[in-house]
C-alpha atoms as a PDB file:
ATOM      1  CA  MET A   1     249.227  35.407  54.139  1.00  0.00           C
ATOM      2  CA  GLY A   2     246.739  36.914  56.568  1.00  0.00           C
ATOM      3  CA  TRP A   3     246.050  36.570  60.240  1.00  0.00           C
ATOM      4  CA  LYS A   4     242.759  36.236  62.096  1.00  0.00           C
ATOM      5  CA  LEU A   5     241.674  39.131  64.239  1.00  0.00           C
ATOM      6  CA  GLU A   6     241.382  38.032  67.853  1.00  0.00           C
ATOM      7  CA  LYS A   7     239.586  39.709  70.736  1.00  0.00           C
ATOM      8  CA  ILE A   8     239.646  39.538  74.501  1.00  0.00           C
ATOM      9  CA  ASP A   9     236.642  40.860  76.406  1.00  0.00           C
ATOM     10  CA  LEU A  10     237.546  42.860  79.500  1.00  0.00           C
ATOM     11  CA  VAL A  11     234.153  42.598  81.178  1.00  0.00           C
ATOM     12  CA  GLY A  12     232.760  41.456  84.506  1.00  0.00           C
ATOM     13  CA  CYS A  13     235.526  40.069  86.755  1.00  0.00           C
ATOM     14  CA  ASP A  14     238.122  40.806  84.044  1.00  0.00           C
ATOM     15  CA  ARG A  15     237.148  44.497  83.794  1.00  0.00           C
ATOM     16  CA  ILE A  16     240.119  46.830  84.245  1.00  0.00           C
ATOM     17  CA  LYS A  17     240.021  48.660  87.570  1.00  0.00           C
ATOM     18  CA  PRO A  18     241.224  52.170  88.464  1.00  0.00           C
ATOM     19  CA  ASN A  19     245.028  52.477  88.624  1.00  0.00           C
ATOM     20  CA  GLU A  20     245.424  48.972  87.214  1.00  0.00           C
ATOM     21  CA  GLU A  21     247.600  48.008  84.270  1.00  0.00           C
ATOM     22  CA  ILE A  22     246.941  44.864  82.256  1.00  0.00           C
ATOM     23  CA  ASP A  23     249.567  43.287  80.020  1.00  0.00           C
ATOM     24  CA  LEU A  24     247.940  41.187  77.292  1.00  0.00           C
ATOM     25  CA  CYS A  25     249.553  38.827  74.811  1.00  0.00           C
ATOM     26  CA  PHE A  26     247.710  37.944  71.612  1.00  0.00           C
ATOM     27  CA  VAL A  27     248.766  34.953  69.540  1.00  0.00           C
ATOM     28  CA  LEU A  28     247.152  35.218  66.122  1.00  0.00           C
ATOM     29  CA  ASP A  29     246.027  32.138  64.203  1.00  0.00           C
ATOM     30  CA  GLU A  30     246.802  31.896  60.509  1.00  0.00           C
ATOM     31  CA  GLU A  31     243.868  33.037  58.370  1.00  0.00           C
ATOM     32  CA  ARG A  32     242.765  30.435  55.808  1.00  0.00           C
ATOM     33  CA  ARG A  33     239.980  32.419  54.148  1.00  0.00           C
ATOM     34  CA  ALA A  34     240.312  34.393  50.960  1.00  0.00           C
ATOM     35  CA  ALA A  35     238.199  36.723  48.832  1.00  0.00           C
ATOM     36  CA  ILE A  36     237.496  37.172  45.138  1.00  0.00           C
ATOM     37  CA  HIS A  37     236.164  40.544  44.051  1.00  0.00           C
ATOM     38  CA  GLY A  38     235.824  42.362  40.789  1.00  0.00           C
ATOM     39  CA  VAL A  39     233.879  44.728  38.553  1.00  0.00           C
ATOM     40  CA  VAL A  40     231.677  43.883  35.572  1.00  0.00           C
ATOM     41  CA  LYS A  41     231.659  46.566  32.860  1.00  0.00           C
ATOM     42  CA  PHE A  42     230.069  47.095  29.465  1.00  0.00           C
ATOM     43  CA  PRO A  43     232.441  47.484  26.481  1.00  0.00           C
ATOM     44  CA  ASN A  44     232.060  51.278  26.825  1.00  0.00           C
ATOM     45  CA  GLY A  45     233.467  51.087  30.369  1.00  0.00           C
ATOM     46  CA  LYS A  46     230.217  51.726  32.254  1.00  0.00           C
ATOM     47  CA  PRO A  47     229.530  49.422  35.225  1.00  0.00           C
ATOM     48  CA  VAL A  48     226.873  46.724  34.848  1.00  0.00           C
ATOM     49  CA  GLU A  49     224.300  46.782  37.650  1.00  0.00           C
ATOM     50  CA  GLY A  50     222.348  43.573  38.264  1.00  0.00           C
ATOM     51  CA  ALA A  51     224.564  41.103  36.393  1.00  0.00           C
ATOM     52  CA  VAL A  52     224.549  37.555  37.751  1.00  0.00           C
ATOM     53  CA  VAL A  53     228.012  36.412  38.847  1.00  0.00           C
ATOM     54  CA  LYS A  54     228.198  32.698  39.613  1.00  0.00           C
ATOM     55  CA  LEU A  55     231.076  30.970  41.385  1.00  0.00           C
ATOM     56  CA  PHE A  56     232.003  27.371  40.586  1.00  0.00           C
ATOM     57  CA  GLU A  57     234.642  25.098  42.060  1.00  0.00           C
ATOM     58  CA  LYS A  58     236.639  23.277  39.398  1.00  0.00           C
ATOM     59  CA  LYS A  59     236.795  19.593  40.246  1.00  0.00           C
ATOM     60  CA  ASP A  60     240.016  18.724  38.444  1.00  0.00           C
ATOM     61  CA  TRP A  61     242.182  20.749  36.048  1.00  0.00           C
ATOM     62  CA  LYS A  62     243.279  17.677  34.084  1.00  0.00           C
ATOM     63  CA  ASP A  63     239.631  17.037  33.120  1.00  0.00           C
ATOM     64  CA  CYS A  64     239.669  20.228  31.052  1.00  0.00           C
ATOM     65  CA  TYR A  65     242.360  18.853  28.799  1.00  0.00           C
ATOM     66  CA  GLU A  66     240.188  15.801  28.178  1.00  0.00           C
ATOM     67  CA  ASN A  67     237.044  17.905  27.533  1.00  0.00           C
ATOM     68  CA  LYS A  68     235.481  16.680  30.772  1.00  0.00           C
ATOM     69  CA  CYS A  69     235.178  19.990  32.587  1.00  0.00           C
ATOM     70  CA  GLU A  70     233.113  19.434  35.682  1.00  0.00           C
ATOM     71  CA  LEU A  71     232.120  22.452  37.704  1.00  0.00           C
ATOM     72  CA  LYS A  72     230.512  22.353  41.126  1.00  0.00           C
ATOM     73  CA  PRO A  73     228.255  25.391  41.731  1.00  0.00           C
ATOM     74  CA  ILE A  74     229.177  27.151  44.982  1.00  0.00           C
ATOM     75  CA  THR A  75     227.163  30.386  45.126  1.00  0.00           C
ATOM     76  CA  PHE A  76     226.088  33.423  43.140  1.00  0.00           C
ATOM     77  CA  THR A  77     225.572  37.142  43.624  1.00  0.00           C
ATOM     78  CA  PHE A  78     224.371  40.180  41.691  1.00  0.00           C
ATOM     79  CA  THR A  79     226.554  43.165  40.867  1.00  0.00           C
ATOM     80  CA  ASP A  80     225.775  46.414  42.676  1.00  0.00           C
ATOM     81  CA  LYS A  81     225.204  49.803  41.039  1.00  0.00           C
ATOM     82  CA  CYS A  82     228.982  50.160  40.594  1.00  0.00           C
ATOM     83  CA  GLY A  83     229.216  46.754  38.874  1.00  0.00           C
ATOM     84  CA  GLN A  84     231.079  45.269  41.848  1.00  0.00           C
ATOM     85  CA  PHE A  85     230.820  41.761  43.281  1.00  0.00           C
ATOM     86  CA  LEU A  86     232.490  39.909  46.156  1.00  0.00           C
ATOM     87  CA  PHE A  87     232.834  36.269  47.187  1.00  0.00           C
ATOM     88  CA  GLY A  88     234.332  34.954  50.416  1.00  0.00           C
ATOM     89  CA  VAL A  89     236.046  31.692  49.418  1.00  0.00           C
ATOM     90  CA  GLU A  90     238.216  28.910  50.750  1.00  0.00           C
ATOM     91  CA  ALA A  91     241.885  29.261  49.877  1.00  0.00           C
ATOM     92  CA  ASP A  92     243.861  26.782  47.774  1.00  0.00           C
ATOM     93  CA  LYS A  93     240.974  25.701  45.542  1.00  0.00           C
ATOM     94  CA  ASP A  94     240.417  26.137  41.806  1.00  0.00           C
ATOM     95  CA  TYR A  95     237.480  28.374  40.883  1.00  0.00           C
ATOM     96  CA  VAL A  96     235.671  29.449  37.733  1.00  0.00           C
ATOM     97  CA  ILE A  97     233.472  32.554  37.558  1.00  0.00           C
ATOM     98  CA  LYS A  98     230.722  33.020  34.992  1.00  0.00           C
ATOM     99  CA  VAL A  99     228.901  36.307  34.392  1.00  0.00           C
ATOM    100  CA  PHE A 100     225.508  36.761  32.765  1.00  0.00           C
ATOM    101  CA  TYR A 101     223.566  39.939  32.034  1.00  0.00           C
ATOM    102  CA  TYR A 102     220.348  40.331  30.108  1.00  0.00           C
ATOM    103  CA  LYS A 103     218.084  43.326  29.786  1.00  0.00           C
ATOM    104  CA  PRO A 104     215.214  42.847  27.356  1.00  0.00           C
ATOM    105  CA  GLU A 105     214.763  45.664  24.899  1.00  0.00           C
ATOM    106  CA  CYS A 106     211.290  46.934  24.209  1.00  0.00           C
ATOM    107  CA  LYS A 107     211.288  47.745  20.491  1.00  0.00           C
ATOM    108  CA  LYS A 108     207.784  49.208  20.532  1.00  0.00           C
ATOM    109  CA  PRO A 109     206.105  51.121  23.335  1.00  0.00           C
ATOM    110  CA  CYS A 110     204.670  48.681  25.850  1.00  0.00           C
ATOM    111  CA  LYS A 111     200.935  49.120  26.414  1.00  0.00           C
ATOM    112  CA  GLU A 112     199.001  48.340  29.556  1.00  0.00           C
ATOM    113  CA  ASN A 113     196.076  46.751  27.785  1.00  0.00           C
ATOM    114  CA  GLU A 114     197.971  44.909  25.068  1.00  0.00           C
ATOM    115  CA  GLU A 115     195.848  41.792  25.634  1.00  0.00           C
ATOM    116  CA  GLU A 116     192.643  43.749  24.965  1.00  0.00           C
ATOM    117  CA  GLU A 117     194.033  45.147  21.705  1.00  0.00           C
ATOM    118  CA  LYS A 118     194.934  41.649  20.474  1.00  0.00           C
ATOM    119  CA  TYR A 119     191.446  40.381  21.026  1.00  0.00           C
ATOM    120  CA  PRO A 120     188.966  43.257  20.542  1.00  0.00           C
ATOM    121  CA  ARG A 121     185.443  42.778  21.864  1.00  0.00           C
END
């Protein structure tokens, strides 16, 4: 369980004055937010930069047992150069994360004027 950070501004009329002592009492509200974070790696252990990580909310767990999985898309992000991602989420909900990465391989050297070579003049 976490607690929200609170602040009190001591400015203007509330500014502390010379030789003055102020006794403050903070009552922290319960924090209801949560976070999901992780790292995407290749099988060789290297981090994957630029992978798409998509967050879904699962509508109902029982639907999965009846092959009716319904996912509600929430948001997405891309992994950073260290393969890391982060989502700020609501607590007490069921989530599914899907990851996708694709980097096309160029099997032959790519040429600038490939179109001209296909159709010579």
